[in-house]
Amino acid sequence: MANKSLATRQKMRLRIEPSQQALKPRNPVAQAAMARAAGSHTPGTGAQRQAAKQALKKVKLEPEEE
């Protein structure tokens, strides 16, 4: 006999909360290494080259007077 307490298209599902899942322990050595790794403080060579090209396009060139 069917379960009459559920609606016709519902199915019973067992939900597992995230706290109940067996999570793998994190590697403390890897976390410390990631925290030490900082980003670069200067733009890369490609970004510098692109900025120089854009600056050249912005400068208005005038012919030399002779």
Protein backbone atom coordinates (compact mmCIF):
# COMPACT_ATOMS: atom_id res chain seq x y z
CA MET A 1 0.00 0.00 0.00
CA ALA A 2 1.31 3.43 -0.91
CA ASN A 3 2.31 6.01 1.65
CA LYS A 4 -0.72 8.30 1.73
CA SER A 5 0.91 11.04 3.76
CA LEU A 6 3.05 12.12 0.79
CA ALA A 7 1.71 13.95 -2.24
CA THR A 8 1.44 11.99 -5.46
CA ARG A 9 4.69 13.23 -7.05
CA GLN A 10 6.84 13.57 -3.95
CA LYS A 11 9.43 11.02 -2.99
CA MET A 12 10.99 10.49 0.39
CA ARG A 13 14.55 11.68 0.50
CA LEU A 14 17.06 11.48 3.30
CA ARG A 15 18.95 14.74 3.59
CA ILE A 16 22.48 14.81 4.92
CA GLU A 17 23.51 18.11 6.45
CA PRO A 18 26.99 19.39 5.57
CA SER A 19 28.10 19.02 9.19
CA GLN A 20 27.20 15.34 9.11
CA GLN A 21 29.28 14.49 6.05
CA ALA A 22 32.64 12.90 6.63
CA LEU A 23 35.01 15.59 5.35
CA LYS A 24 38.66 14.92 4.75
CA PRO A 25 40.92 16.82 7.16
CA ARG A 26 42.68 19.77 5.59
CA ASN A 27 46.43 19.82 5.18
CA PRO A 28 47.78 22.45 7.62
CA VAL A 29 51.13 22.61 5.80
CA ALA A 30 49.46 23.50 2.51
CA GLN A 31 47.29 26.15 4.16
CA ALA A 32 50.33 27.81 5.74
CA ALA A 33 52.13 27.83 2.39
CA MET A 34 49.11 29.37 0.65
CA ALA A 35 48.86 32.09 3.29
CA ARG A 36 52.54 33.01 2.82
CA ALA A 37 52.28 33.21 -0.96
CA ALA A 38 51.56 36.82 -1.83
CA GLY A 39 50.67 38.29 -5.17
CA SER A 40 53.09 40.40 -7.14
CA HIS A 41 53.16 44.09 -6.30
CA THR A 42 54.04 45.29 -9.78
CA PRO A 43 52.17 44.75 -13.04
CA GLY A 44 53.55 42.06 -15.29
CA THR A 45 55.56 42.77 -18.41
CA GLY A 46 52.52 42.28 -20.63
CA ALA A 47 50.48 44.80 -18.64
CA GLN A 48 53.34 47.31 -18.74
CA ARG A 49 53.70 46.88 -22.50
CA GLN A 50 49.96 47.32 -23.01
CA ALA A 51 49.91 50.47 -20.85
CA ALA A 52 52.82 51.92 -22.86
CA LYS A 53 51.00 51.27 -26.15
CA GLN A 54 47.83 52.92 -24.82
CA ALA A 55 49.83 55.94 -23.61
CA LEU A 56 51.36 56.32 -27.09
CA LYS A 57 47.90 56.31 -28.66
CA LYS A 58 46.72 59.03 -26.25
CA VAL A 59 49.62 61.37 -26.99
CA LYS A 60 48.76 63.78 -29.75
CA LEU A 61 51.59 63.78 -32.29
CA GLU A 62 52.49 67.08 -33.89
CA PRO A 63 54.77 67.56 -36.88
CA GLU A 64 58.14 69.13 -36.23
CA GLU A 65 58.61 72.68 -37.47
CA GLU A 66 61.75 73.34 -39.49
